Amino acid sequence: MEGKKKSKVNPERKRQQFSAEFKREAVRLLELGQKPATQLALELGVARNRLYKWQAQLKTNGGVFRTPGRPKVSEESEVSRLKRELKRVTEELEILKKAETYFAKRRR
């Protein structure tokens, strides 16, 4: 079986990328309120809703822009460590449940 081949509608179109500094400055200007968001977006060359998304991201992430994609190595290792620990604790709990059932039957 062959996998589906993804083709872009417009392969020449490149996704715009903005630096974190640019985003912070855009949000700062938006929050100053000296210009309407629509005018500010036009001047900066971004969509108006993008300004509001950046503003929300800054608020939720404590003033830091997170890039999409894979988590950082430290976060990834923390997640895998927690998964291993959860598996171990779950197995221990199952053993304890079985032991409790066994000893409850012996007492009767």
C-alpha atoms as a PDB file:
ATOM      1  CA  MET A   1       0.000   0.000   0.000  1.00  0.00           C
ATOM      2  CA  GLU A   2       1.240   3.411  -0.884  1.00  0.00           C
ATOM      3  CA  GLY A   3       0.740   6.307   1.502  1.00  0.00           C
ATOM      4  CA  LYS A   4      -1.062   9.398   0.423  1.00  0.00           C
ATOM      5  CA  LYS A   5       1.186  12.088  -0.888  1.00  0.00           C
ATOM      6  CA  LYS A   6       0.479  15.523   0.539  1.00  0.00           C
ATOM      7  CA  SER A   7       0.556  18.330  -1.938  1.00  0.00           C
ATOM      8  CA  LYS A   8       0.283  21.969  -1.082  1.00  0.00           C
ATOM      9  CA  VAL A   9      -2.327  24.090  -2.779  1.00  0.00           C
ATOM     10  CA  ASN A  10       0.230  26.803  -3.383  1.00  0.00           C
ATOM     11  CA  PRO A  11       3.769  25.439  -2.970  1.00  0.00           C
ATOM     12  CA  GLU A  12       5.411  28.839  -3.544  1.00  0.00           C
ATOM     13  CA  ARG A  13       3.641  30.360  -0.539  1.00  0.00           C
ATOM     14  CA  LYS A  14       5.933  30.592   2.467  1.00  0.00           C
ATOM     15  CA  ARG A  15       4.630  30.795   6.004  1.00  0.00           C
ATOM     16  CA  GLN A  16       5.421  34.087   7.701  1.00  0.00           C
ATOM     17  CA  GLN A  17       7.559  33.837  10.803  1.00  0.00           C
ATOM     18  CA  PHE A  18       7.952  36.599  13.336  1.00  0.00           C
ATOM     19  CA  SER A  19      10.562  36.902  16.042  1.00  0.00           C
ATOM     20  CA  ALA A  20       9.558  36.866  19.680  1.00  0.00           C
ATOM     21  CA  GLU A  21      10.813  40.445  19.992  1.00  0.00           C
ATOM     22  CA  PHE A  22       8.583  41.578  17.123  1.00  0.00           C
ATOM     23  CA  LYS A  23       5.579  39.866  18.739  1.00  0.00           C
ATOM     24  CA  ARG A  24       6.270  41.424  22.146  1.00  0.00           C
ATOM     25  CA  GLU A  25       6.572  44.876  20.580  1.00  0.00           C
ATOM     26  CA  ALA A  26       3.358  44.383  18.595  1.00  0.00           C
ATOM     27  CA  VAL A  27       1.499  43.370  21.760  1.00  0.00           C
ATOM     28  CA  ARG A  28       2.974  46.329  23.643  1.00  0.00           C
ATOM     29  CA  LEU A  29       1.735  48.700  20.936  1.00  0.00           C
ATOM     30  CA  LEU A  30      -1.674  47.010  20.965  1.00  0.00           C
ATOM     31  CA  GLU A  31      -1.958  47.395  24.731  1.00  0.00           C
ATOM     32  CA  LEU A  32      -0.920  51.062  24.593  1.00  0.00           C
ATOM     33  CA  GLY A  33      -4.132  51.660  22.685  1.00  0.00           C
ATOM     34  CA  GLN A  34      -2.852  54.682  20.783  1.00  0.00           C
ATOM     35  CA  LYS A  35      -4.034  53.176  17.498  1.00  0.00           C
ATOM     36  CA  PRO A  36      -6.934  50.871  16.689  1.00  0.00           C
ATOM     37  CA  ALA A  37      -5.936  47.204  16.342  1.00  0.00           C
ATOM     38  CA  THR A  38      -6.926  47.197  12.669  1.00  0.00           C
ATOM     39  CA  GLN A  39      -4.639  50.124  11.837  1.00  0.00           C
ATOM     40  CA  LEU A  40      -1.792  48.673  13.883  1.00  0.00           C
ATOM     41  CA  ALA A  41      -2.149  45.311  12.128  1.00  0.00           C
ATOM     42  CA  LEU A  42      -2.036  46.975   8.719  1.00  0.00           C
ATOM     43  CA  GLU A  43       1.084  48.934   9.636  1.00  0.00           C
ATOM     44  CA  LEU A  44       2.827  45.831  10.969  1.00  0.00           C
ATOM     45  CA  GLY A  45       1.714  43.637   8.079  1.00  0.00           C
ATOM     46  CA  VAL A  46      -0.089  41.031  10.175  1.00  0.00           C
ATOM     47  CA  ALA A  47      -3.687  39.965  10.587  1.00  0.00           C
ATOM     48  CA  ARG A  48      -5.599  41.744  13.346  1.00  0.00           C
ATOM     49  CA  ASN A  49      -6.619  38.482  15.021  1.00  0.00           C
ATOM     50  CA  ARG A  50      -2.938  37.479  15.107  1.00  0.00           C
ATOM     51  CA  LEU A  51      -2.241  40.430  17.414  1.00  0.00           C
ATOM     52  CA  TYR A  52      -4.923  39.228  19.807  1.00  0.00           C
ATOM     53  CA  LYS A  53      -3.572  35.664  19.684  1.00  0.00           C
ATOM     54  CA  TRP A  54      -0.089  36.894  20.543  1.00  0.00           C
ATOM     55  CA  GLN A  55      -1.534  38.931  23.393  1.00  0.00           C
ATOM     56  CA  ALA A  56      -3.321  35.857  24.765  1.00  0.00           C
ATOM     57  CA  GLN A  57      -0.175  33.727  24.390  1.00  0.00           C
ATOM     58  CA  LEU A  58       1.868  36.223  26.367  1.00  0.00           C
ATOM     59  CA  LYS A  59      -0.692  36.254  29.167  1.00  0.00           C
ATOM     60  CA  THR A  60      -1.016  32.474  29.401  1.00  0.00           C
ATOM     61  CA  ASN A  61       2.708  31.705  29.110  1.00  0.00           C
ATOM     62  CA  GLY A  62       3.921  34.311  31.560  1.00  0.00           C
ATOM     63  CA  GLY A  63       5.421  36.705  29.030  1.00  0.00           C
ATOM     64  CA  VAL A  64       7.183  34.031  26.959  1.00  0.00           C
ATOM     65  CA  PHE A  65       6.384  32.841  23.456  1.00  0.00           C
ATOM     66  CA  ARG A  66       6.470  29.062  23.084  1.00  0.00           C
ATOM     67  CA  THR A  67       7.160  27.625  19.680  1.00  0.00           C
ATOM     68  CA  PRO A  68       4.890  24.883  18.411  1.00  0.00           C
ATOM     69  CA  GLY A  69       6.215  21.400  17.860  1.00  0.00           C
ATOM     70  CA  ARG A  70       8.154  19.031  20.017  1.00  0.00           C
ATOM     71  CA  PRO A  71       8.653  19.871  23.671  1.00  0.00           C
ATOM     72  CA  LYS A  72      12.100  20.775  24.933  1.00  0.00           C
ATOM     73  CA  VAL A  73      14.386  17.889  25.839  1.00  0.00           C
ATOM     74  CA  SER A  74      14.070  18.635  29.555  1.00  0.00           C
ATOM     75  CA  GLU A  75      10.257  18.651  29.326  1.00  0.00           C
ATOM     76  CA  GLU A  76      10.275  15.489  27.224  1.00  0.00           C
ATOM     77  CA  SER A  77      12.472  13.664  29.724  1.00  0.00           C
ATOM     78  CA  GLU A  78      10.259  14.860  32.577  1.00  0.00           C
ATOM     79  CA  VAL A  79       7.166  13.544  30.793  1.00  0.00           C
ATOM     80  CA  SER A  80       8.778  10.175  30.121  1.00  0.00           C
ATOM     81  CA  ARG A  81       9.987   9.969  33.754  1.00  0.00           C
ATOM     82  CA  LEU A  82       6.480  10.690  35.012  1.00  0.00           C
ATOM     83  CA  LYS A  83       4.996   8.080  32.678  1.00  0.00           C
ATOM     84  CA  ARG A  84       7.433   5.453  33.974  1.00  0.00           C
ATOM     85  CA  GLU A  85       6.632   6.390  37.568  1.00  0.00           C
ATOM     86  CA  LEU A  86       2.891   6.241  36.875  1.00  0.00           C
ATOM     87  CA  LYS A  87       3.271   2.772  35.369  1.00  0.00           C
ATOM     88  CA  ARG A  88       5.261   1.567  38.387  1.00  0.00           C
ATOM     89  CA  VAL A  89       2.784   2.984  40.899  1.00  0.00           C
ATOM     90  CA  THR A  90      -0.152   1.527  38.978  1.00  0.00           C
ATOM     91  CA  GLU A  91       1.483  -1.925  39.034  1.00  0.00           C
ATOM     92  CA  GLU A  92       2.149  -1.591  42.781  1.00  0.00           C
ATOM     93  CA  LEU A  93      -1.480  -0.644  43.351  1.00  0.00           C
ATOM     94  CA  GLU A  94      -2.675  -3.716  41.432  1.00  0.00           C
ATOM     95  CA  ILE A  95      -0.401  -5.951  43.539  1.00  0.00           C
ATOM     96  CA  LEU A  96      -1.728  -4.395  46.743  1.00  0.00           C
ATOM     97  CA  LYS A  97      -5.324  -4.898  45.617  1.00  0.00           C
ATOM     98  CA  LYS A  98      -4.652  -8.572  44.927  1.00  0.00           C
ATOM     99  CA  ALA A  99      -2.909  -8.975  48.290  1.00  0.00           C
ATOM    100  CA  GLU A 100      -5.831  -7.302  50.070  1.00  0.00           C
ATOM    101  CA  THR A 101      -8.268  -9.693  48.408  1.00  0.00           C
ATOM    102  CA  TYR A 102      -6.083 -12.690  49.293  1.00  0.00           C
ATOM    103  CA  PHE A 103      -5.753 -11.757  52.963  1.00  0.00           C
ATOM    104  CA  ALA A 104      -9.451 -10.861  53.256  1.00  0.00           C
ATOM    105  CA  LYS A 105     -10.344 -14.402  52.109  1.00  0.00           C
ATOM    106  CA  ARG A 106      -7.897 -15.990  54.597  1.00  0.00           C
ATOM    107  CA  ARG A 107      -9.436 -14.150  57.573  1.00  0.00           C
ATOM    108  CA  ARG A 108     -12.895 -15.673  57.033  1.00  0.00           C
END
